[in-house]
Amino acid sequence: MTDTRREVTVIGDMNVDVSLAIDAWPHEGGDVLAHAVTWSSGGTGLNCAVAIARLGFPVRLWSRVGRDPAADQVLNTARDAGVDIGAVQHDTAHATGLCIIPVTPGGERTFLSARGANVQWHAPALPTDGPGWLHVCGHALLADPQRAQAINALRRAHAAGWQTSLDLCDPLAPLLIPILAQIDAPLTVLMGNEREVAAVPQALGSFAQMIVTKRGARGATVSIGAERFAHPGYVVDAIDTTACGDTFGGVFCSALFHGASVVDALAVANAAGALTASRRGAADIEPTRREICRFLIDQQHNLPLWLTQ
């Protein structure tokens, strides 16, 4: 089913997520009751890696956790999904990351994060066993030493002939251009949601071969030079969009890496994101390849050959 030499390496956070379903935000100093609480494993790196593993593709995660019960939870989630966690680092001085996620009706989420051990991550040596793809989650570029290590990993990946991708996050926008200027070759894929892409003050085409704009319930677009592709997305009852963007990013990049066309990668990634939005949680609830296939069939979408093998 898969070429085990084509392994995606993900750099990103591992967190315990606590999602709180609320009707509306309180005023400052106010008091609001949550009518549902979900404890789950999350973080951009873990979400992305689990999405790739559940699609059936090999993936390793480069991250850092503390030595606490939260670390056991996120590591078990990764291990159960089939993610290679052999290079995940353990920190004796910093706690595993924690993210509090209020979710309002309609599934919109807001993140309140304590990144903990994630920020202390240091890059190991690049694997040498075949072609590679390095995917960096935007939060990994927010603070040193993790930021400097991730930039160095991108430079080494380019030198080794790997394909590379970066998934933006809101706080990264004012830092992005100076960071991209430190990377000595264009990324294969640069992606973000509409707000994140629009916030970057310069044209991104010189920094990446492919620009992907995630548009939530309205699907996604891809720009490759003057060429543009679009997918309208799928209609679902969204209850929690926490991990949707990470799911989309992992599925899209790994599908491309394993030979999918841009059109098919968009369709499958949007399907995976839609299924994730219809469930409450993060890495724990991301869809499997079988679930994605069933969803696409229900949507009367022809399955790409690579997805059925």
Protein backbone atom coordinates (compact mmCIF):
# COMPACT_ATOMS: atom_id res chain seq x y z
CA MET A 1 0.00 0.00 0.00
CA THR A 2 2.80 2.43 0.79
CA ASP A 3 6.42 3.02 -0.12
CA THR A 4 8.12 2.83 3.26
CA ARG A 5 11.11 4.79 1.94
CA ARG A 6 8.88 7.85 1.47
CA GLU A 7 8.55 8.95 5.06
CA VAL A 8 7.32 12.40 6.05
CA THR A 9 9.10 14.01 9.00
CA VAL A 10 6.96 16.46 10.99
CA ILE A 11 8.38 19.17 13.25
CA GLY A 12 5.74 20.49 15.62
CA ASP A 13 4.18 20.59 19.06
CA MET A 14 2.65 17.85 21.18
CA ASN A 15 0.05 19.06 23.67
CA VAL A 16 -2.79 17.90 25.82
CA ASP A 17 -5.86 19.78 24.60
CA VAL A 18 -8.75 20.69 26.90
CA SER A 19 -11.71 21.76 24.76
CA LEU A 20 -14.57 23.68 26.38
CA ALA A 21 -17.86 24.00 24.50
CA ILE A 22 -19.31 27.44 25.33
CA ASP A 23 -22.27 29.41 24.01
CA ALA A 24 -20.42 32.75 23.87
CA TRP A 25 -17.29 34.48 25.16
CA PRO A 26 -17.65 36.20 28.55
CA HIS A 27 -16.63 39.79 29.07
CA GLU A 28 -13.27 40.32 30.77
CA GLY A 29 -13.54 39.17 34.38
CA GLY A 30 -16.84 37.45 33.63
CA ASP A 31 -18.01 33.91 34.30
CA VAL A 32 -19.26 31.45 31.70
CA LEU A 33 -20.17 27.78 32.02
CA ALA A 34 -18.97 25.16 29.54
CA HIS A 35 -21.59 22.56 28.66
CA ALA A 36 -19.05 20.00 27.40
CA VAL A 37 -15.41 19.29 28.20
CA THR A 38 -13.11 17.10 26.08
CA TRP A 39 -9.61 16.03 27.06
CA SER A 40 -7.63 14.96 24.01
CA SER A 41 -4.16 14.67 22.58
CA GLY A 42 -3.24 17.50 20.24
CA GLY A 43 -0.68 20.04 19.16
CA THR A 44 0.00 20.92 15.56
CA GLY A 45 2.78 18.39 15.16
CA LEU A 46 0.89 15.48 16.69
CA ASN A 47 -2.32 16.28 14.79
CA CYS A 48 -0.46 16.43 11.50
CA ALA A 49 1.55 13.26 12.10
CA VAL A 50 -1.48 11.24 13.20
CA ALA A 51 -3.41 12.38 10.11
CA ILE A 52 -0.61 11.07 7.90
CA ALA A 53 -0.34 7.77 9.78
CA ARG A 54 -4.09 7.16 9.62
CA LEU A 55 -3.96 7.78 5.88
CA GLY A 56 -1.60 4.81 5.81
CA PHE A 57 1.67 6.60 5.09
CA PRO A 58 4.88 6.36 7.15
CA VAL A 59 5.61 9.39 9.32
CA ARG A 60 8.03 10.33 12.08
CA LEU A 61 7.45 13.12 14.59
CA TRP A 62 10.17 15.42 15.90
CA SER A 63 8.92 17.02 19.09
CA ARG A 64 9.59 17.31 22.83
CA VAL A 65 7.53 16.46 25.91
CA GLY A 66 7.96 16.65 29.66
CA ARG A 67 8.10 13.76 32.10
CA ASP A 68 4.52 13.86 33.31
CA PRO A 69 1.15 12.13 32.78
CA ALA A 70 0.40 14.47 29.88
CA ALA A 71 3.45 13.11 28.06
CA ASP A 72 2.17 9.56 28.50
CA GLN A 73 -1.16 10.56 26.97
CA VAL A 74 0.20 12.22 23.83
CA LEU A 75 2.87 9.58 23.26
CA ASN A 76 0.30 6.80 23.53
CA THR A 77 -1.91 8.55 20.97
CA ALA A 78 0.98 8.85 18.53
CA ARG A 79 2.12 5.28 19.11
CA ASP A 80 -1.38 3.85 18.69
CA ALA A 81 -1.76 5.67 15.36
CA GLY A 82 1.51 4.24 14.06
CA VAL A 83 3.60 7.41 14.24
CA ASP A 84 7.36 6.88 14.65
CA ILE A 85 8.14 8.63 17.97
CA GLY A 86 11.66 7.27 18.39
CA ALA A 87 13.16 10.77 18.12
CA VAL A 88 10.70 12.53 20.46
CA GLN A 89 12.72 14.16 23.24
CA HIS A 90 11.96 14.10 26.99
CA ASP A 91 12.51 17.22 29.09
CA THR A 92 13.07 17.03 32.85
CA ALA A 93 12.72 20.79 33.43
CA HIS A 94 9.65 21.72 31.38
CA ALA A 95 6.12 20.33 31.32
CA THR A 96 4.39 18.86 28.30
CA GLY A 97 2.50 21.50 26.33
CA LEU A 98 -1.08 22.35 27.29
CA CYS A 99 -3.75 24.05 25.20
CA ILE A 100 -7.11 25.31 26.46
CA ILE A 101 -9.56 25.55 23.55
CA PRO A 102 -12.93 27.29 23.98
CA VAL A 103 -15.24 26.23 21.14
CA THR A 104 -18.28 28.34 20.26
CA PRO A 105 -21.43 27.17 18.40
CA GLY A 106 -20.54 26.43 14.79
CA GLY A 107 -17.24 24.85 15.80
CA GLU A 108 -15.01 27.95 15.80
CA ARG A 109 -12.13 27.55 18.24
CA THR A 110 -9.71 29.85 20.06
CA PHE A 111 -6.36 28.64 21.39
CA LEU A 112 -4.82 29.51 24.77
CA SER A 113 -1.49 27.69 24.78
CA ALA A 114 1.35 26.99 27.19
CA ARG A 115 3.97 25.46 24.91
CA GLY A 116 6.21 24.09 27.67
CA ALA A 117 8.80 21.55 26.56
CA ASN A 118 8.04 22.07 22.87
CA VAL A 119 10.09 25.27 22.75
CA GLN A 120 13.22 23.45 24.00
CA TRP A 121 13.33 21.03 21.06
CA HIS A 122 16.64 20.43 19.26
CA ALA A 123 16.89 18.85 15.82
CA PRO A 124 18.43 15.38 15.41
CA ALA A 125 20.31 14.32 12.30
CA LEU A 126 18.31 13.91 9.10
CA PRO A 127 17.53 10.29 8.17
CA THR A 128 19.37 9.05 5.08
CA ASP A 129 17.18 6.07 4.13
CA GLY A 130 15.50 7.33 0.96
CA PRO A 131 13.68 10.44 -0.28
CA GLY A 132 12.22 12.67 2.38
CA TRP A 133 9.64 15.36 3.02
CA LEU A 134 10.05 17.74 5.97
CA HIS A 135 6.85 19.42 7.17
CA VAL A 136 7.19 22.24 9.70
CA CYS A 137 4.21 23.42 11.73
CA GLY A 138 4.18 27.19 12.19
CA HIS A 139 4.30 27.21 15.99
CA ALA A 140 7.75 25.62 15.79
CA LEU A 141 9.04 28.93 14.37
CA LEU A 142 7.76 31.21 17.12
CA ALA A 143 10.56 31.03 19.69
CA ASP A 144 14.13 29.85 20.11
CA PRO A 145 15.71 27.39 20.50
CA GLN A 146 12.99 25.50 18.60
CA ARG A 147 12.81 28.19 15.88
CA ALA A 148 16.55 28.19 15.14
CA GLN A 149 16.59 24.40 15.14
CA ALA A 150 13.63 24.17 12.75
CA ILE A 151 15.21 26.68 10.35
CA ASN A 152 18.44 24.69 10.42
CA ALA A 153 16.50 21.48 9.75
CA LEU A 154 14.84 23.09 6.71
CA ARG A 155 18.22 24.17 5.36
CA ARG A 156 19.64 20.66 5.84
CA ALA A 157 16.56 19.13 4.22
CA HIS A 158 16.99 21.31 1.14
CA ALA A 159 20.69 20.41 0.96
CA ALA A 160 19.72 16.72 1.06
CA GLY A 161 17.22 17.14 -1.78
CA TRP A 162 14.12 16.74 0.37
CA GLN A 163 10.80 18.36 -0.34
CA THR A 164 9.65 20.78 2.36
CA SER A 165 6.48 22.44 3.59
CA LEU A 166 5.41 25.00 6.17
CA ASP A 167 1.94 25.41 7.66
CA LEU A 168 1.44 28.94 8.98
CA CYS A 169 -0.14 30.07 12.24
CA ASP A 170 -1.54 33.47 13.23
CA PRO A 171 1.33 34.62 15.51
CA LEU A 172 3.91 33.81 12.83
CA ALA A 173 2.79 36.45 10.30
CA PRO A 174 5.00 39.36 11.49
CA LEU A 175 8.02 37.03 11.74
CA LEU A 176 7.55 35.08 8.52
CA ILE A 177 9.47 37.00 5.84
CA PRO A 178 12.72 37.26 7.86
CA ILE A 179 12.45 33.56 8.65
CA LEU A 180 11.84 32.54 5.04
CA ALA A 181 14.81 34.68 4.00
CA GLN A 182 17.03 32.43 6.15
CA ILE A 183 15.99 29.32 4.22
CA ASP A 184 18.23 29.00 1.18
CA ALA A 185 15.72 27.44 -1.24
CA PRO A 186 11.99 27.76 -1.92
CA LEU A 187 9.65 25.51 0.04
CA THR A 188 7.69 22.93 -1.91
CA VAL A 189 4.46 23.98 -0.18
CA LEU A 190 3.55 27.00 1.93
CA MET A 191 0.07 26.83 3.40
CA GLY A 192 -2.19 28.71 5.77
CA ASN A 193 -5.76 29.81 6.25
CA GLU A 194 -7.12 32.92 4.52
CA ARG A 195 -6.30 35.21 7.42
CA GLU A 196 -2.76 33.87 7.78
CA VAL A 197 -1.96 34.12 4.07
CA ALA A 198 -3.46 37.61 3.79
CA ALA A 199 -1.45 38.85 6.78
CA VAL A 200 1.89 38.31 5.06
CA PRO A 201 2.93 41.67 3.57
CA GLN A 202 4.94 40.37 0.61
CA ALA A 203 4.20 38.06 -2.30
CA LEU A 204 4.85 34.50 -1.19
CA GLY A 205 5.56 33.06 -4.63
CA SER A 206 9.30 33.66 -4.34
CA PHE A 207 9.44 31.57 -1.16
CA ALA A 208 7.45 28.51 -2.25
CA GLN A 209 6.63 26.56 -5.38
CA MET A 210 3.04 26.07 -4.24
CA ILE A 211 0.81 28.32 -2.10
CA VAL A 212 -2.16 26.60 -0.45
CA THR A 213 -4.94 28.66 1.10
CA LYS A 214 -7.23 26.78 3.48
CA ARG A 215 -10.74 28.27 3.36
CA GLY A 216 -12.51 26.27 6.05
CA ALA A 217 -15.96 25.08 5.02
CA ARG A 218 -15.35 26.58 1.56
CA GLY A 219 -12.52 24.20 0.77
CA ALA A 220 -9.07 25.27 -0.37
CA THR A 221 -7.14 26.76 -3.28
CA VAL A 222 -3.68 26.05 -4.66
CA SER A 223 -1.55 28.49 -6.65
CA ILE A 224 1.47 27.29 -8.64
CA GLY A 225 2.80 30.31 -10.45
CA ALA A 226 -0.04 31.54 -12.65
CA GLU A 227 -1.88 28.22 -12.39
CA ARG A 228 -4.72 27.94 -9.88
CA PHE A 229 -6.66 24.97 -8.53
CA ALA A 230 -9.69 25.08 -6.26
CA HIS A 231 -11.85 22.63 -4.35
CA PRO A 232 -15.15 23.75 -2.79
CA GLY A 233 -14.94 21.52 0.27
CA TYR A 234 -17.72 19.37 1.72
CA VAL A 235 -20.78 20.22 3.77
CA VAL A 236 -20.80 18.68 7.26
CA ASP A 237 -22.25 19.61 10.63
CA ALA A 238 -19.11 21.13 12.15
CA ILE A 239 -18.88 20.85 15.92
CA ASP A 240 -15.14 21.36 16.51
CA THR A 241 -12.59 22.68 13.99
CA THR A 242 -9.60 22.37 16.34
CA ALA A 243 -7.51 19.93 14.28
CA CYS A 244 -8.99 20.51 10.82
CA GLY A 245 -6.15 22.60 9.42
CA ASP A 246 -3.48 20.23 10.73
CA THR A 247 -5.36 17.24 9.32
CA PHE A 248 -5.67 18.94 5.93
CA GLY A 249 -1.99 19.86 5.87
CA GLY A 250 -0.73 16.41 6.75
CA VAL A 251 -3.00 14.64 4.29
CA PHE A 252 -2.34 17.09 1.44
CA CYS A 253 1.46 17.01 1.69
CA SER A 254 1.77 13.26 2.22
CA ALA A 255 -0.61 12.59 -0.68
CA LEU A 256 1.52 14.76 -2.98
CA PHE A 257 4.66 13.01 -1.73
CA HIS A 258 3.19 9.65 -2.69
CA GLY A 259 2.27 10.72 -6.20
CA ALA A 260 -1.22 12.22 -5.95
CA SER A 261 -2.20 15.01 -8.33
CA VAL A 262 -2.92 18.43 -6.84
CA VAL A 263 -6.62 17.96 -7.64
CA ASP A 264 -6.84 14.59 -5.88
CA ALA A 265 -4.74 15.75 -2.93
CA LEU A 266 -7.11 18.70 -2.46
CA ALA A 267 -10.19 16.47 -2.56
CA VAL A 268 -8.82 13.92 -0.09
CA ALA A 269 -7.40 16.56 2.29
CA ASN A 270 -10.70 18.45 2.31
CA ALA A 271 -12.55 15.21 3.04
CA ALA A 272 -10.22 14.45 5.95
CA GLY A 273 -10.65 17.98 7.30
CA ALA A 274 -14.43 17.81 7.01
CA LEU A 275 -14.59 14.53 8.90
CA THR A 276 -12.38 15.97 11.62
CA ALA A 277 -14.69 19.00 11.95
CA SER A 278 -17.67 16.72 12.51
CA ARG A 279 -16.12 15.24 15.68
CA ARG A 280 -15.12 16.71 19.01
CA GLY A 281 -11.42 16.47 19.82
CA ALA A 282 -8.08 16.59 18.02
CA ALA A 283 -5.55 13.86 17.19
CA ASP A 284 -7.68 11.18 18.84
CA ILE A 285 -10.54 11.58 16.36
CA GLU A 286 -8.80 12.13 13.01
CA PRO A 287 -10.17 9.87 10.25
CA THR A 288 -8.63 6.70 8.88
CA ARG A 289 -8.08 5.96 5.19
CA ARG A 290 -11.15 3.71 5.21
CA GLU A 291 -13.32 6.45 6.71
CA ILE A 292 -12.07 8.95 4.13
CA CYS A 293 -12.83 6.52 1.30
CA ARG A 294 -16.34 5.90 2.63
CA PHE A 295 -16.95 9.64 2.95
CA LEU A 296 -15.79 10.32 -0.62
CA ILE A 297 -17.99 7.54 -1.97
CA ASP A 298 -20.97 9.01 -0.09
CA GLN A 299 -20.11 12.35 -1.70
CA GLN A 300 -20.17 10.60 -5.11
CA HIS A 301 -16.49 11.35 -5.63
CA ASN A 302 -14.40 8.90 -7.63
CA LEU A 303 -11.64 7.46 -5.47
CA PRO A 304 -8.07 8.10 -6.65
CA LEU A 305 -6.29 4.85 -7.44
CA TRP A 306 -3.55 5.47 -4.86
CA LEU A 307 -6.18 5.78 -2.11
CA THR A 308 -7.56 2.29 -2.82
CA GLN A 309 -4.25 0.41 -2.88
